[in-house]
Every structure is written in structure tokens, then in C-alpha cells.
Amino acid sequence: MLPFFLLTTALSAQITEKPVTFEDIKQSPNANWLTYAGDYKGTRHSPLTRITPANAGNLVPKWTFHMETSRKLETVPIVYGGVMYVTNSNEIHALDARSGRRIWSYRDDQSEISRVNRGAAILGDRVFFVTGDCHLIALHRRTGALLWQKKYADTNKGYFATVAPFAVKDRVIVGVGGGDTGNRGFIAAMSASTGEELWRLYTIPGRGEPGSETWTDRLIDWGGAATWLSGTYDPDLNLIYWTTGNPWPDFYGGDRKGTNLYACAVIAVDPDTGKMKWHFQFTPHDTHDWDGQGWPVLIDTTINGKPRKALLHANRNGFFYILDRATGEYLRATPFVDKLDWAKGIDAKGVPILVPGKDPTPTGNKACPSVRGASNWMSPSYNPATGLFYVVTLEQCDIYVSSAKEPIPMQNFAGGGGEQIPTEPGKFYLRALDPKTGNRVWDYPMTGPATMWAGTVSTAGGVVFFGDDDNHLVAIDAKSGRHLWHYNMGQPVFASPITYEVDGRQYVTIASQTDIFTFGLHEPLQSVPVLIR
């Protein structure tokens, strides 16, 4: 692989010498933002307090970095010691987080596949990202020099990669895309030092393995359950939580009778061994492309009067789930959208109570939520002070079509599809949910064409930031949902914001379609005496 490489020596010299440790990541976020979700537990809640409901109206643009080759940025930055790392398809840039000035860049022009990229990971003196053709790249964080690259999946078998790597202990966890056209999903742990593969866990069981009885022999080798979104981690339980994609073919289940484990699920995995400790399937035998790809957020709370190590998950199927993250025990599920008609509810064992006649048909069948889901991979957040879970939701139905055509892997056949209803364009909301009850506390309705894919970040200052459906970064009051501030970036937003601090100043950053925008509080110019001669 041949990199494009640029180094600005003066700025490189400013990068802190101290390597990033596992303990540092466990303490994030603080002034730094060291994982895609900010913290291991996926709460996306920052302890920073300089931006508050009282002064958020004074936010102004501080700098913009234009990504020349981008078309649809989905990156979430990593920030450490005043340096920001942002990715695009097959490339990564290190920026001065104060000014946006580029320090170094690395681009892999030899990658066989160009795909969106969701971000990087950092550990020690290395920063990691994946290429579209499933190479994990390790670069020196100070200089951008290539340390090693390892291919971990075969593109000839339908694999590609968009995932932000996930650094835990001495290893980096990666996943794969491509499940919608037929492959066998997996996550793998790679040594952060050498790139050596330490273990691999498939999300579709092999023939004869536990769970294989939930598939027909015909499709088990190509069942999907892709792993293109990063996971979360509980250091005390030493468990990684990773969500899985839909089974394949997406919309026709006649050739894959059964519940199709471990698709549309969350799995708990020992990061040392790669052994699955438990699983929970949200949508058995999914035929609407409602995969489980959404954030498993980890909080400690009280459910039904009992303290619980809980896992929160707002699923594409329209239900907000609470699980016990130590055991996988199902605790509760409540609808978090109004347009939900495929199930009457979830039974005591966590299994959907189906409404007959809601599967896709050759002539088309209306069902709710839409194929994009009640929520999706857009990042939610949780504020322990308010006790609220903030999640972007979509109220929309679709017409679902199925096809019994012979499924051939890697031929872009999904078994049908979901089609939007022209008279029902859909509407996005930011919703605040109470995990203790599952109830909706408030809504923030968005204007726009129902095309956004942006998420949220919460702060101890009492502000929630999110990208809306009309090209804005928005700040609202975390308690009430009251609008505080917005900025129109002039282009669609497909990523989630972060917040960090450098030199005593708090910043908020979000990627738009082609640019990285960073904001901070307005600082009045100091008066300077004028010498009159």
C-alpha cells in the first residue's frame, strides 16, 4: 500500500509525548475524546461545563476543515492533547484542534474499495483506522508514519469495512460490512502492537454449532449479520457489547426459516478470548431490514425498584429495550415512536408479539417503522444528572416488497426492499426518554426532508448538541428540550458531534457532508491602546 503523506513539522512538535493508555480511555471523555462514543459505555456524555444554557447563544464558528475528496462524511473525531484525528474513505488527517490546521495526512490510494468511514481509534502512540477493503492501518500518532497494516477480511467474499475500530486493553476490535448482499459477519481482535489476529467471532453460527438450528442449511454460510458499527465495553464485567445487522436476504425469509441467530441482536463478548457470554435478539426472523445496529448504552440505574447494570438500546423496530448487561436478561421494552404497527408489544421473554399480515409481499405491504427504522446508527446520549436518554427518532412508514428470486451472494440481491410513500414523507424528532420507566419525557420536532443521519452529545453544562434534518448543528436545554442555538452548515449532516477542551476553552465539532466544523464561545476582542503620533 502506498500512502499519501504530509507532515507539518512545527505542529507535530506540539503533540504531547505521553502515550494513550487503557486507563486514559477508561477516564474519557474529559478534555479529550478518546473513543467514537466518547466513553467505553457509549453514553456520549461529557463532564465539560463551560457551555451552558445561559451562554450557548454566544457560540460562534471557530474553524472549518474542508475534506477535498469527501462526498458524505460520517466520521466522529478523536481528540487527544489538542490534536484531532478525522477520517474519510481510505484516509485520515491529524489537525490542530485549536485552529483546524492540518498536521499530517495519510491516504491509501491502493484500496480496492471506497466506502464511508466512521472514525479512528487511539492507543499508545498509535492511531488506527480501517480502509474500505478491510485493512486495519496503524500509524504513529505524532507523525502519521505507517507502522503496519493487516488485511482481516476477503473482499472477494463480499466484505468491506466502514467501522471505527475499538481499542480495548492491548487490542483493537474491528468489524465488517456487506451483510446486505450475503456474507458471514464477524468481529475480530487484532494486537495493537503487531496487527496479529488474536481471535475471531462469527455472528452467524457455523454448521452444527449452537444456533445453527435457527437457519436452513441453504443460506447459513451467507446469512449476513454484519458488524459495521463499533461496540461498547464494561471494564468491571470485562464484556464488550456489539450489535449485529440483519439476516440475508433482507426482505424475503422463505429461504431462511427460523429465528436466524445471531442477526438483529446484541452479543456480549469476552475481549480476552472472543467467547460469546450471552446474546439477545431484538427482531427474530427479520424481514424489514431492522437490524440491531444501534448503540448499546451502558448505565447503572433502578428498574422496577431494583438496582441494575442496564443496557439501553433504541432499536430500529421501534422499541426501546432495557436489558441486564451482566446476564442478558430482558427487563423491559416500550415503543418510542407512534408509527409502529408490526407488533402489539414484547412478551415477558423479550419476544415480539407479531401482528399478522405485516411481512413484505410481491405487490407491496405497508408497515411501520420505515426501512430506515425508528432510529438507526445515529449516536444517542445519556445524561446522569437529568436521567434522560436522548435519541434521534424517525416517524415514518414504508411499502415493503419481497421477491422469492433465487438468492445469489454478492449480486446485490436483498429479496425486495422498502419504498417511501410519497404522501407520507416522515419526520425526525429528538426524543428524551426516561430509562427507569421507558416513558417519553419531551420531543424536539425537526424541520427538513427526513434525510439526516446525525446523532447527539450531552454535556454536564446542561446542553445537548445534535445535527438536525435541516443542515444545522443545534443546542438545546438538556432538561426541557428548549432551543438555545443553531448554526446552518449549508449541507447535510451524517455524523454525530463531540465536545472537547484545549487551553481552557470548550469546543464542539461535527462533520457535515464535506467539512469539519468547530464552534466555541465568542471571546470579545481585548481593547488595545492606540498610539497617536
Foldseek 3Di string as FASTA:
>chain_A
DDKDKDADVVVLVQADPFAAALVNQQPWDELWQAALQGHQQNQLEYADAPDFLVFVAQKDFQEKDFFVPFFAAAEAWGDDNQWIWTDFAQKIWIARNRHRHTGMMIGDPPDPDTDGAHYWHGGTQWIWGAHFQAKIWTAGNSGRHTPDIDHDDHVVQQWTAREYWDDHHQWIKGWTDRLQQWAWTKIWIAGNNYRHTPDIDTQQDDPPDPPVVQWDPPRSRGFGFTFHYAWHADPVLQKIKTFTWATPLQADQPRTHGQRGPWQKIWIARPNHRDTQDMDHQAGSHRLRFTNQAYFRWDWDAAPNHTARWTWGCTLLQWIFIARVNRRAGRAIDGPEPQADQFPGADNRNYGHGDPPQGAEQVWDKGPDFSCGQAHHARWHADPVQQKIKGKGKGAIWTWHAAPPDRDGPPSRNRTHTHGDVVTQIWIWTWIAHPRVRDTDDIHTADARPPAAHHWHHYSNQWIWIQTRQQKIWIAGNNYRHTRDIDHPPAGFNYYKHWRDDPRWIKIWGDGRGMIIIMTRDDDDDDDDDDDD
